[in-house]
Amino acid sequence: QVRLAESGGGLVQAGESLRLSCAASGSISNFYVMGWFRQAPGKQRELVADILRDGSTNAADSVKGRFTISRDNAKNTVYLQMNSLKPEDTGVYYCAAGWHLTVYHYWGQGTQVTVSS
């Protein structure tokens, strides 16, 4: 059983930056995919960005050019660098890990990100 713990959320103004971290209790190098999701109030959870074991990444159109996902296998940590934040980026951000693409087996508890206009 792997536990994921997100940190780095907070309240910022539009245009500012945040870096989220996801620390795993075990090795993340075994997982095929690590992802960041978010859920805004009243909306469904959506994929923000993911990173595969080979280092390739994918990001939602709404965050391309602003958000960057990365992983440090030595630290068992995945990051989400968020720049030029917008009010519509507000939500709870979750880290997840999966053995297969699009199937996530482990989830963190989430960290709140609030962007004021």
Protein backbone atom coordinates (compact mmCIF):
# COMPACT_ATOMS: atom_id res chain seq x y z
CA GLN A 1 0.00 0.00 0.00
CA VAL A 2 1.42 3.38 -1.05
CA ARG A 3 0.31 6.59 0.62
CA LEU A 4 0.41 9.88 -1.24
CA ALA A 5 0.55 13.23 0.55
CA GLU A 6 0.02 16.51 -1.26
CA SER A 7 1.32 19.85 -0.03
CA GLY A 8 1.89 23.36 -1.31
CA GLY A 9 -1.66 24.57 -1.80
CA GLY A 10 -2.86 27.94 -0.61
CA LEU A 11 -4.51 31.24 -1.44
CA VAL A 12 -2.89 33.35 -4.14
CA GLN A 13 -3.86 36.17 -6.45
CA ALA A 14 -4.38 35.78 -10.17
CA GLY A 15 -1.07 35.76 -12.04
CA GLU A 16 0.92 34.30 -9.17
CA SER A 17 2.54 30.87 -8.92
CA LEU A 18 2.40 27.82 -6.69
CA ARG A 19 4.28 24.55 -6.63
CA LEU A 20 2.47 21.49 -5.41
CA SER A 21 4.33 18.46 -4.13
CA CYS A 22 3.18 14.88 -3.82
CA ALA A 23 5.31 12.75 -1.53
CA ALA A 24 4.89 8.99 -1.74
CA SER A 25 5.53 6.57 1.11
CA GLY A 26 7.15 4.15 -1.32
CA SER A 27 8.95 4.13 -4.63
CA ILE A 28 7.17 5.96 -7.44
CA SER A 29 9.46 4.56 -10.12
CA ASN A 30 7.38 1.38 -10.20
CA PHE A 31 4.23 3.19 -11.25
CA TYR A 32 3.47 3.55 -14.93
CA VAL A 33 1.79 6.91 -14.47
CA MET A 34 1.60 9.67 -11.87
CA GLY A 35 -1.04 12.33 -12.25
CA TRP A 36 -2.45 15.53 -10.83
CA PHE A 37 -6.22 15.99 -10.83
CA ARG A 38 -8.39 18.82 -9.60
CA GLN A 39 -11.99 19.25 -8.58
CA ALA A 40 -13.69 22.61 -8.53
CA PRO A 41 -16.84 23.19 -6.47
CA GLY A 42 -19.84 21.66 -8.22
CA LYS A 43 -17.73 20.13 -10.97
CA GLN A 44 -16.34 16.71 -11.75
CA ARG A 45 -12.77 15.83 -11.02
CA GLU A 46 -10.56 16.38 -14.07
CA LEU A 47 -7.05 15.40 -15.09
CA VAL A 48 -4.66 18.35 -15.00
CA ALA A 49 -1.41 16.65 -16.02
CA ASP A 50 0.27 13.29 -15.94
CA ILE A 51 3.77 11.93 -16.29
CA LEU A 52 4.75 8.45 -17.40
CA ARG A 53 7.54 6.27 -16.15
CA ASP A 54 9.60 7.21 -19.21
CA GLY A 55 9.25 10.90 -18.34
CA SER A 56 6.80 11.86 -21.07
CA THR A 57 4.10 14.26 -19.97
CA ASN A 58 0.60 15.29 -20.88
CA ALA A 59 -1.42 18.31 -19.79
CA ALA A 60 -4.98 19.49 -20.15
CA ASP A 61 -5.51 22.17 -22.77
CA SER A 62 -6.65 24.61 -20.08
CA VAL A 63 -3.25 24.52 -18.36
CA LYS A 64 -0.82 23.95 -21.25
CA GLY A 65 1.95 26.53 -21.21
CA ARG A 66 1.22 27.42 -17.56
CA PHE A 67 1.53 24.18 -15.57
CA THR A 68 4.42 21.73 -15.59
CA ILE A 69 4.48 18.27 -14.05
CA SER A 70 7.75 16.64 -13.05
CA ARG A 71 8.94 13.74 -10.93
CA ASP A 72 11.97 13.05 -8.78
CA ASN A 73 12.24 9.30 -8.38
CA ALA A 74 15.08 9.62 -5.86
CA LYS A 75 12.81 11.63 -3.56
CA ASN A 76 9.65 9.69 -4.45
CA THR A 77 7.98 13.00 -5.18
CA VAL A 78 5.93 14.43 -8.02
CA TYR A 79 5.57 18.16 -8.53
CA LEU A 80 3.13 20.45 -10.25
CA GLN A 81 4.52 23.89 -11.02
CA MET A 82 1.62 26.25 -11.62
CA ASN A 83 2.32 29.65 -13.14
CA SER A 84 0.04 32.47 -14.25
CA LEU A 85 -2.75 31.15 -12.07
CA LYS A 86 -6.33 32.09 -12.89
CA PRO A 87 -9.46 32.09 -10.71
CA GLU A 88 -10.75 29.13 -12.72
CA ASP A 89 -7.78 27.09 -11.45
CA THR A 90 -9.37 27.10 -8.00
CA GLY A 91 -10.13 23.67 -6.60
CA VAL A 92 -8.85 20.74 -4.61
CA TYR A 93 -5.80 19.22 -6.27
CA TYR A 94 -5.19 15.49 -5.92
CA CYS A 95 -2.15 13.40 -6.66
CA ALA A 96 -2.64 9.87 -7.97
CA ALA A 97 -0.54 6.89 -9.02
CA GLY A 98 -1.37 4.09 -11.41
CA TRP A 99 0.01 0.83 -12.72
CA HIS A 100 -1.67 1.40 -16.07
CA LEU A 101 -2.40 4.46 -18.19
CA THR A 102 -5.75 6.04 -17.22
CA VAL A 103 -6.20 3.67 -14.29
CA TYR A 104 -5.19 5.18 -10.98
CA HIS A 105 -4.90 2.90 -7.97
CA TYR A 106 -3.75 5.27 -5.24
CA TRP A 107 -4.94 8.75 -4.34
CA GLY A 108 -3.88 11.45 -1.95
CA GLN A 109 -6.18 13.45 0.31
CA GLY A 110 -5.90 16.61 -1.74
CA THR A 111 -4.69 20.16 -1.20
CA GLN A 112 -6.79 23.29 -1.66
CA VAL A 113 -5.76 25.90 -4.22
CA THR A 114 -7.67 29.17 -4.26
CA VAL A 115 -6.95 31.88 -6.80
CA SER A 116 -8.52 35.27 -6.19
CA SER A 117 -9.17 37.78 -8.95
